[in-house]
Protein backbone atom coordinates (compact mmCIF):
# COMPACT_ATOMS: atom_id res chain seq x y z
CA UNK A 1 -23.75 -17.64 24.14
CA UNK A 2 -20.61 -15.51 23.85
CA UNK A 3 -22.48 -12.93 21.80
CA UNK A 4 -25.88 -12.77 23.51
CA UNK A 5 -28.80 -11.06 21.83
CA UNK A 6 -27.79 -7.48 22.62
CA UNK A 7 -24.16 -8.34 21.84
CA UNK A 8 -21.29 -6.02 21.00
CA UNK A 9 -20.81 -4.16 17.74
CA UNK A 10 -19.84 -5.86 14.50
CA UNK A 11 -16.09 -5.36 14.81
CA UNK A 12 -16.03 -6.61 18.41
CA UNK A 13 -18.19 -9.59 17.45
CA UNK A 14 -15.72 -10.64 14.78
CA UNK A 15 -12.82 -10.19 17.19
CA UNK A 16 -14.53 -12.45 19.75
CA UNK A 17 -15.31 -15.13 17.18
CA UNK A 18 -11.79 -15.15 15.74
CA UNK A 19 -10.44 -15.26 19.30
CA UNK A 20 -12.57 -18.35 19.88
CA UNK A 21 -11.23 -19.88 16.67
CA UNK A 22 -7.69 -19.27 17.92
CA UNK A 23 -8.44 -20.54 21.40
CA UNK A 24 -10.25 -23.72 20.41
CA UNK A 25 -8.55 -24.24 17.04
CA UNK A 26 -11.91 -25.40 15.72
CA UNK A 27 -13.47 -24.28 12.44
CA UNK A 28 -16.83 -25.26 13.91
CA UNK A 29 -16.79 -21.95 15.78
CA UNK A 30 -16.85 -19.98 12.53
CA UNK A 31 -19.23 -22.47 10.93
CA UNK A 32 -21.81 -21.74 13.62
CA UNK A 33 -21.00 -18.04 13.42
CA UNK A 34 -21.63 -17.98 9.65
CA UNK A 35 -25.36 -18.52 10.11
CA UNK A 36 -25.49 -15.59 12.51
CA UNK A 37 -23.51 -13.26 10.25
CA UNK A 38 -25.81 -13.92 7.32
CA UNK A 39 -28.38 -11.76 9.06
CA UNK A 40 -26.03 -8.83 9.66
CA UNK A 41 -24.31 -7.21 6.67
CA UNK A 42 -22.07 -5.01 8.82
CA UNK A 43 -20.71 -8.01 10.73
CA UNK A 44 -20.11 -9.90 7.50
CA UNK A 45 -17.95 -7.07 6.10
CA UNK A 46 -15.85 -7.00 9.27
CA UNK A 47 -15.50 -10.79 9.09
CA UNK A 48 -14.17 -10.71 5.52
CA UNK A 49 -11.78 -7.87 6.34
CA UNK A 50 -10.44 -9.85 9.32
CA UNK A 51 -10.18 -13.02 7.20
CA UNK A 52 -8.25 -11.17 4.50
CA UNK A 53 -5.76 -9.93 7.10
CA UNK A 54 -5.29 -13.39 8.58
CA UNK A 55 -4.92 -14.94 5.14
CA UNK A 56 -2.11 -12.48 4.41
CA UNK A 57 -0.22 -13.14 7.65
CA UNK A 58 3.07 -15.00 7.57
CA UNK A 59 1.79 -17.71 9.93
CA UNK A 60 -0.66 -20.28 8.59
CA UNK A 61 -4.23 -19.33 9.66
CA UNK A 62 -5.41 -22.92 10.09
CA UNK A 63 -8.81 -22.19 11.64
CA UNK A 64 -9.60 -19.59 8.96
CA UNK A 65 -8.62 -21.98 6.16
CA UNK A 66 -10.65 -24.82 7.65
CA UNK A 67 -13.72 -22.62 7.98
CA UNK A 68 -13.29 -21.38 4.38
CA UNK A 69 -13.04 -24.99 3.24
CA UNK A 70 -16.32 -25.70 5.02
CA UNK A 71 -18.04 -22.64 3.55
CA UNK A 72 -16.71 -23.25 0.04
CA UNK A 73 -18.22 -26.75 0.14
CA UNK A 74 -21.59 -25.25 1.03
CA UNK A 75 -23.27 -24.45 -2.27
CA UNK A 76 -25.46 -21.88 -0.54
CA UNK A 77 -22.65 -19.56 0.57
CA UNK A 78 -19.56 -20.56 -1.47
CA UNK A 79 -19.79 -17.69 -3.96
CA UNK A 80 -20.46 -15.06 -1.32
CA UNK A 81 -17.60 -16.25 0.89
CA UNK A 82 -15.17 -16.44 -2.02
CA UNK A 83 -16.07 -12.92 -3.14
CA UNK A 84 -15.57 -11.69 0.43
CA UNK A 85 -12.03 -13.02 0.80
CA UNK A 86 -10.76 -12.63 -2.78
CA UNK A 87 -13.20 -12.59 -5.70
CA UNK A 88 -14.34 -8.98 -5.36
CA UNK A 89 -10.74 -7.92 -6.00
CA UNK A 90 -10.26 -9.81 -9.27
CA UNK A 91 -10.10 -6.60 -11.30
CA UNK A 92 -7.20 -5.17 -9.30
CA UNK A 93 -5.18 -8.34 -8.65
CA UNK A 94 -2.95 -8.24 -11.73
CA UNK A 95 -1.69 -4.75 -10.90
CA UNK A 96 -1.32 -5.44 -7.17
CA UNK A 97 0.61 -8.66 -7.87
CA UNK A 98 3.18 -7.11 -10.22
CA UNK A 99 6.79 -7.39 -9.01
CA UNK A 100 7.64 -4.62 -6.57
CA UNK A 101 4.02 -3.69 -5.81
CA UNK A 102 3.41 -2.66 -2.18
CA UNK A 103 1.98 -5.53 -0.14
CA UNK A 104 2.61 -8.05 -2.93
CA UNK A 105 4.04 -10.81 -0.71
CA UNK A 106 1.07 -10.70 1.67
CA UNK A 107 -1.37 -10.70 -1.25
CA UNK A 108 0.40 -13.69 -2.83
CA UNK A 109 -0.01 -15.57 0.47
CA UNK A 110 -3.74 -14.76 0.56
CA UNK A 111 -4.36 -15.70 -3.06
CA UNK A 112 -2.40 -18.94 -2.66
CA UNK A 113 -4.25 -19.89 0.51
CA UNK A 114 -7.71 -19.06 -0.81
CA UNK A 115 -7.19 -20.82 -4.14
CA UNK A 116 -5.76 -23.87 -2.40
CA UNK A 117 -9.14 -24.52 -0.73
CA UNK A 118 -11.47 -22.99 -3.35
CA UNK A 119 -12.00 -26.12 -5.45
CA UNK A 120 -15.75 -26.34 -4.70
CA UNK A 121 -16.36 -22.65 -5.52
CA UNK A 122 -18.33 -22.26 -8.77
CA UNK A 123 -16.07 -21.87 -11.80
CA UNK A 124 -17.80 -18.62 -12.78
CA UNK A 125 -16.56 -17.06 -9.53
CA UNK A 126 -13.06 -18.52 -9.82
CA UNK A 127 -12.40 -17.68 -13.47
CA UNK A 128 -11.80 -13.90 -13.12
CA UNK A 129 -9.31 -14.54 -10.30
CA UNK A 130 -7.57 -17.30 -12.28
CA UNK A 131 -7.22 -14.96 -15.25
CA UNK A 132 -5.88 -12.14 -13.08
CA UNK A 133 -3.20 -14.27 -11.41
CA UNK A 134 -2.24 -16.55 -14.31
CA UNK A 135 0.87 -14.49 -15.04
CA UNK A 136 2.18 -14.65 -11.47
CA UNK A 137 4.87 -17.35 -11.35
CA UNK A 138 4.23 -18.21 -7.68
CA UNK A 139 0.53 -18.81 -8.39
CA UNK A 140 0.60 -20.42 -11.82
CA UNK A 141 0.26 -23.99 -10.51
CA UNK A 142 -2.94 -23.06 -8.68
CA UNK A 143 -4.61 -21.71 -11.81
CA UNK A 144 -3.98 -24.76 -14.00
CA UNK A 145 -7.20 -26.71 -13.97
């Protein structure tokens, strides 16, 4: 109902949905939203960008993590969701996680948070990320499986 059929643009849609997640502290909001975003590529890209930012924030993004947990358990969308929040960056992670790299601390938070709920994600999707972060002391425990 918040979005309507004519609804706002993709970026505004994501902002409204994440505002509802914050307000109600319910992952169900993003779970319902996920079905809607599947139809709109532009909205999906804004969603993953917003999720990446929240996953890098100092404060724990509980609603985001709970919705990721839900999506990762869904065999239909687990791979796509994982790639959107982390997997597509596997090739650049090792360099971006080296000591002294700009934004390293925020990226470590995101990787840690995503991998902590990514158990149900197919191993083929997880493996490149595990390999990229295996040498990062703060993340080593998450990659041992």
